[in-house]
């Protein structure tokens, strides 16, 4: 299950900002968007595990 364009944008912003808090403020203008970012990170992690990129989980 690949990531949508919006999910990719969230991950890219997280990498650019360096923290979940800063990315949430920039993307959603609120710190309350952190749960959305965490959900996308979990989805990306599961995808990488299924692909075999990350092992040991």
PDB file of N, CA and C in Angstrom:
ATOM      1  N   UNK A   1       0.848  -1.168   0.000  1.00  0.00           N
ATOM      2  CA  UNK A   1       0.000   0.000   0.000  1.00  0.00           C
ATOM      3  C   UNK A   1       0.901   1.241   0.000  1.00  0.00           C
ATOM      4  N   UNK A   2       1.131   1.803  -1.177  1.00  0.00           N
ATOM      5  CA  UNK A   2       2.007   2.982  -1.258  1.00  0.00           C
ATOM      6  C   UNK A   2       1.374   4.209  -0.598  1.00  0.00           C
ATOM      7  N   UNK A   3       2.193   5.184  -0.354  1.00  0.00           N
ATOM      8  CA  UNK A   3       1.737   6.411   0.301  1.00  0.00           C
ATOM      9  C   UNK A   3       1.106   7.359  -0.711  1.00  0.00           C
ATOM     10  N   UNK A   4       0.120   8.099  -0.257  1.00  0.00           N
ATOM     11  CA  UNK A   4      -0.515   9.105  -1.111  1.00  0.00           C
ATOM     12  C   UNK A   4       0.404  10.324  -1.221  1.00  0.00           C
ATOM     13  N   UNK A   5       0.052  11.209  -2.127  1.00  0.00           N
ATOM     14  CA  UNK A   5       0.837  12.438  -2.300  1.00  0.00           C
ATOM     15  C   UNK A   5       0.831  13.273  -1.027  1.00  0.00           C
ATOM     16  N   UNK A   6      -0.321  13.320  -0.354  1.00  0.00           N
ATOM     17  CA  UNK A   6      -0.424  14.096   0.895  1.00  0.00           C
ATOM     18  C   UNK A   6       0.466  13.491   1.986  1.00  0.00           C
ATOM     19  N   UNK A   7       0.482  12.171   2.071  1.00  0.00           N
ATOM     20  CA  UNK A   7       1.325  11.509   3.069  1.00  0.00           C
ATOM     21  C   UNK A   7       2.809  11.738   2.767  1.00  0.00           C
ATOM     22  N   UNK A   8       3.147  11.717   1.504  1.00  0.00           N
ATOM     23  CA  UNK A   8       4.543  12.007   1.120  1.00  0.00           C
ATOM     24  C   UNK A   8       4.925  13.441   1.504  1.00  0.00           C
ATOM     25  N   UNK A   9       3.979  14.353   1.307  1.00  0.00           N
ATOM     26  CA  UNK A   9       4.237  15.759   1.663  1.00  0.00           C
ATOM     27  C   UNK A   9       4.458  15.897   3.163  1.00  0.00           C
ATOM     28  N   UNK A  10       3.671  15.171   3.954  1.00  0.00           N
ATOM     29  CA  UNK A  10       3.822  15.202   5.417  1.00  0.00           C
ATOM     30  C   UNK A  10       5.200  14.678   5.809  1.00  0.00           C
ATOM     31  N   UNK A  11       5.611  13.548   5.216  1.00  0.00           N
ATOM     32  CA  UNK A  11       6.932  12.990   5.539  1.00  0.00           C
ATOM     33  C   UNK A  11       8.057  13.926   5.106  1.00  0.00           C
ATOM     34  N   UNK A  12       7.906  14.538   3.937  1.00  0.00           N
ATOM     35  CA  UNK A  12       8.943  15.464   3.456  1.00  0.00           C
ATOM     36  C   UNK A  12       9.064  16.665   4.384  1.00  0.00           C
ATOM     37  N   UNK A  13       7.940  17.173   4.834  1.00  0.00           N
ATOM     38  CA  UNK A  13       7.967  18.321   5.750  1.00  0.00           C
ATOM     39  C   UNK A  13       8.590  17.929   7.081  1.00  0.00           C
ATOM     40  N   UNK A  14       8.313  16.720   7.539  1.00  0.00           N
ATOM     41  CA  UNK A  14       8.902  16.236   8.784  1.00  0.00           C
ATOM     42  C   UNK A  14      10.423  16.173   8.662  1.00  0.00           C
ATOM     43  N   UNK A  15      10.901  15.685   7.549  1.00  0.00           N
ATOM     44  CA  UNK A  15      12.353  15.620   7.327  1.00  0.00           C
ATOM     45  C   UNK A  15      12.942  17.028   7.260  1.00  0.00           C
ATOM     46  N   UNK A  16      12.270  17.919   6.556  1.00  0.00           N
ATOM     47  CA  UNK A  16      12.773  19.296   6.413  1.00  0.00           C
ATOM     48  C   UNK A  16      12.824  20.029   7.754  1.00  0.00           C
ATOM     49  N   UNK A  17      11.785  19.867   8.555  1.00  0.00           N
ATOM     50  CA  UNK A  17      11.699  20.593   9.828  1.00  0.00           C
ATOM     51  C   UNK A  17      12.516  19.934  10.934  1.00  0.00           C
ATOM     52  N   UNK A  18      12.625  18.610  10.911  1.00  0.00           N
ATOM     53  CA  UNK A  18      13.437  17.926  11.903  1.00  0.00           C
ATOM     54  C   UNK A  18      12.721  17.544  13.180  1.00  0.00           C
ATOM     55  N   UNK A  19      11.465  17.934  13.329  1.00  0.00           N
ATOM     56  CA  UNK A  19      10.705  17.538  14.517  1.00  0.00           C
ATOM     57  C   UNK A  19       9.225  17.464  14.178  1.00  0.00           C
ATOM     58  N   UNK A  20       8.528  16.594  14.889  1.00  0.00           N
ATOM     59  CA  UNK A  20       7.093  16.429  14.681  1.00  0.00           C
ATOM     60  C   UNK A  20       6.369  17.722  15.033  1.00  0.00           C
ATOM     61  N   UNK A  21       6.781  18.337  16.101  1.00  0.00           N
ATOM     62  CA  UNK A  21       6.120  19.571  16.551  1.00  0.00           C
ATOM     63  C   UNK A  21       6.231  20.688  15.517  1.00  0.00           C
ATOM     64  N   UNK A  22       7.429  20.936  15.009  1.00  0.00           N
ATOM     65  CA  UNK A  22       7.622  21.999  14.014  1.00  0.00           C
ATOM     66  C   UNK A  22       6.876  21.701  12.724  1.00  0.00           C
ATOM     67  N   UNK A  23       6.905  20.436  12.308  1.00  0.00           N
ATOM     68  CA  UNK A  23       6.197  20.056  11.084  1.00  0.00           C
ATOM     69  C   UNK A  23       4.690  20.240  11.250  1.00  0.00           C
ATOM     70  N   UNK A  24       4.155  19.878  12.409  1.00  0.00           N
ATOM     71  CA  UNK A  24       2.718  20.030  12.658  1.00  0.00           C
ATOM     72  C   UNK A  24       2.311  21.495  12.598  1.00  0.00           C
ATOM     73  N   UNK A  25       3.108  22.343  13.179  1.00  0.00           N
ATOM     74  CA  UNK A  25       2.794  23.775  13.168  1.00  0.00           C
ATOM     75  C   UNK A  25       2.830  24.321  11.750  1.00  0.00           C
ATOM     76  N   UNK A  26       3.821  23.903  10.968  1.00  0.00           N
ATOM     77  CA  UNK A  26       3.937  24.401   9.602  1.00  0.00           C
ATOM     78  C   UNK A  26       2.820  23.861   8.704  1.00  0.00           C
ATOM     79  N   UNK A  27       2.500  22.581   8.844  1.00  0.00           N
ATOM     80  CA  UNK A  27       1.495  21.967   7.972  1.00  0.00           C
ATOM     81  C   UNK A  27       0.065  22.300   8.372  1.00  0.00           C
ATOM     82  N   UNK A  28      -0.210  22.301   9.675  1.00  0.00           N
ATOM     83  CA  UNK A  28      -1.582  22.407  10.147  1.00  0.00           C
ATOM     84  C   UNK A  28      -1.851  23.662  10.967  1.00  0.00           C
ATOM     85  N   UNK A  29      -0.843  24.507  11.117  1.00  0.00           N
ATOM     86  CA  UNK A  29      -0.956  25.727  11.922  1.00  0.00           C
ATOM     87  C   UNK A  29      -1.393  25.443  13.351  1.00  0.00           C
ATOM     88  N   UNK A  30      -1.102  24.246  13.814  1.00  0.00           N
ATOM     89  CA  UNK A  30      -1.478  23.859  15.165  1.00  0.00           C
ATOM     90  C   UNK A  30      -0.625  22.675  15.592  1.00  0.00           C
ATOM     91  N   UNK A  31      -0.332  22.609  16.856  1.00  0.00           N
ATOM     92  CA  UNK A  31       0.429  21.490  17.394  1.00  0.00           C
ATOM     93  C   UNK A  31      -0.435  20.226  17.439  1.00  0.00           C
ATOM     94  N   UNK A  32      -1.745  20.393  17.293  1.00  0.00           N
ATOM     95  CA  UNK A  32      -2.665  19.257  17.358  1.00  0.00           C
ATOM     96  C   UNK A  32      -2.542  18.332  16.153  1.00  0.00           C
ATOM     97  N   UNK A  33      -1.843  18.754  15.124  1.00  0.00           N
ATOM     98  CA  UNK A  33      -1.642  17.914  13.941  1.00  0.00           C
ATOM     99  C   UNK A  33      -0.599  16.832  14.133  1.00  0.00           C
ATOM    100  N   UNK A  34      -0.008  16.774  15.308  1.00  0.00           N
ATOM    101  CA  UNK A  34       1.041  15.771  15.552  1.00  0.00           C
ATOM    102  C   UNK A  34       0.546  14.350  15.358  1.00  0.00           C
ATOM    103  N   UNK A  35      -0.697  14.083  15.752  1.00  0.00           N
ATOM    104  CA  UNK A  35      -1.205  12.715  15.628  1.00  0.00           C
ATOM    105  C   UNK A  35      -1.293  12.292  14.164  1.00  0.00           C
ATOM    106  N   UNK A  36      -1.580  13.234  13.268  1.00  0.00           N
ATOM    107  CA  UNK A  36      -1.634  12.925  11.836  1.00  0.00           C
ATOM    108  C   UNK A  36      -0.247  12.531  11.342  1.00  0.00           C
ATOM    109  N   UNK A  37       0.759  13.281  11.756  1.00  0.00           N
ATOM    110  CA  UNK A  37       2.131  12.998  11.350  1.00  0.00           C
ATOM    111  C   UNK A  37       2.570  11.642  11.883  1.00  0.00           C
ATOM    112  N   UNK A  38       2.266  11.368  13.132  1.00  0.00           N
ATOM    113  CA  UNK A  38       2.648  10.077  13.717  1.00  0.00           C
ATOM    114  C   UNK A  38       1.979   8.920  12.992  1.00  0.00           C
ATOM    115  N   UNK A  39       0.722   9.094  12.606  1.00  0.00           N
ATOM    116  CA  UNK A  39       0.007   8.043  11.876  1.00  0.00           C
ATOM    117  C   UNK A  39       0.669   7.776  10.527  1.00  0.00           C
ATOM    118  N   UNK A  40       1.088   8.828   9.830  1.00  0.00           N
ATOM    119  CA  UNK A  40       1.758   8.672   8.535  1.00  0.00           C
ATOM    120  C   UNK A  40       3.109   7.981   8.718  1.00  0.00           C
ATOM    121  N   UNK A  41       3.835   8.342   9.769  1.00  0.00           N
ATOM    122  CA  UNK A  41       5.134   7.706  10.032  1.00  0.00           C
ATOM    123  C   UNK A  41       4.948   6.218  10.315  1.00  0.00           C
ATOM    124  N   UNK A  42       3.940   5.860  11.089  1.00  0.00           N
ATOM    125  CA  UNK A  42       3.663   4.439  11.367  1.00  0.00           C
ATOM    126  C   UNK A  42       3.314   3.687  10.083  1.00  0.00           C
ATOM    127  N   UNK A  43       2.521   4.308   9.219  1.00  0.00           N
ATOM    128  CA  UNK A  43       2.148   3.677   7.954  1.00  0.00           C
ATOM    129  C   UNK A  43       3.380   3.466   7.076  1.00  0.00           C
ATOM    130  N   UNK A  44       4.249   4.467   7.015  1.00  0.00           N
ATOM    131  CA  UNK A  44       5.470   4.348   6.219  1.00  0.00           C
ATOM    132  C   UNK A  44       6.379   3.261   6.782  1.00  0.00           C
ATOM    133  N   UNK A  45       6.475   3.175   8.099  1.00  0.00           N
ATOM    134  CA  UNK A  45       7.295   2.139   8.733  1.00  0.00           C
ATOM    135  C   UNK A  45       6.772   0.754   8.381  1.00  0.00           C
ATOM    136  N   UNK A  46       5.472   0.548   8.484  1.00  0.00           N
ATOM    137  CA  UNK A  46       4.884  -0.752   8.139  1.00  0.00           C
ATOM    138  C   UNK A  46       5.160  -1.105   6.685  1.00  0.00           C
ATOM    139  N   UNK A  47       5.068  -0.117   5.808  1.00  0.00           N
ATOM    140  CA  UNK A  47       5.332  -0.339   4.385  1.00  0.00           C
ATOM    141  C   UNK A  47       6.789  -0.758   4.163  1.00  0.00           C
ATOM    142  N   UNK A  48       7.715  -0.092   4.815  1.00  0.00           N
ATOM    143  CA  UNK A  48       9.134  -0.432   4.670  1.00  0.00           C
ATOM    144  C   UNK A  48       9.438  -1.817   5.224  1.00  0.00           C
ATOM    145  N   UNK A  49       8.780  -2.200   6.305  1.00  0.00           N
ATOM    146  CA  UNK A  49       8.962  -3.536   6.878  1.00  0.00           C
ATOM    147  C   UNK A  49       8.450  -4.584   5.899  1.00  0.00           C
ATOM    148  N   UNK A  50       7.264  -4.366   5.317  1.00  0.00           N
ATOM    149  CA  UNK A  50       6.695  -5.312   4.344  1.00  0.00           C
ATOM    150  C   UNK A  50       7.582  -5.449   3.120  1.00  0.00           C
ATOM    151  N   UNK A  51       8.213  -4.359   2.701  1.00  0.00           N
ATOM    152  CA  UNK A  51       9.101  -4.394   1.534  1.00  0.00           C
ATOM    153  C   UNK A  51      10.435  -5.071   1.840  1.00  0.00           C
ATOM    154  N   UNK A  52      10.740  -5.244   3.112  1.00  0.00           N
ATOM    155  CA  UNK A  52      12.000  -5.861   3.482  1.00  0.00           C
ATOM    156  C   UNK A  52      13.153  -4.888   3.641  1.00  0.00           C
ATOM    157  N   UNK A  53      12.863  -3.597   3.552  1.00  0.00           N
ATOM    158  CA  UNK A  53      13.903  -2.570   3.718  1.00  0.00           C
ATOM    159  C   UNK A  53      14.379  -2.538   5.164  1.00  0.00           C
ATOM    160  N   UNK A  54      13.438  -2.682   6.081  1.00  0.00           N
ATOM    161  CA  UNK A  54      13.737  -2.704   7.506  1.00  0.00           C
ATOM    162  C   UNK A  54      13.413  -4.104   8.030  1.00  0.00           C
ATOM    163  N   UNK A  55      14.355  -4.696   8.740  1.00  0.00           N
ATOM    164  CA  UNK A  55      14.135  -6.034   9.288  1.00  0.00           C
ATOM    165  C   UNK A  55      14.320  -6.012  10.788  1.00  0.00           C
ATOM    166  N   UNK A  56      13.862  -7.050  11.432  1.00  0.00           N
ATOM    167  CA  UNK A  56      14.076  -7.182  12.870  1.00  0.00           C
ATOM    168  C   UNK A  56      12.919  -6.721  13.722  1.00  0.00           C
ATOM    169  N   UNK A  57      11.766  -6.444  13.113  1.00  0.00           N
ATOM    170  CA  UNK A  57      10.593  -6.010  13.871  1.00  0.00           C
ATOM    171  C   UNK A  57       9.561  -7.083  13.847  1.00  0.00           C
TER     172      UNK A  57
END
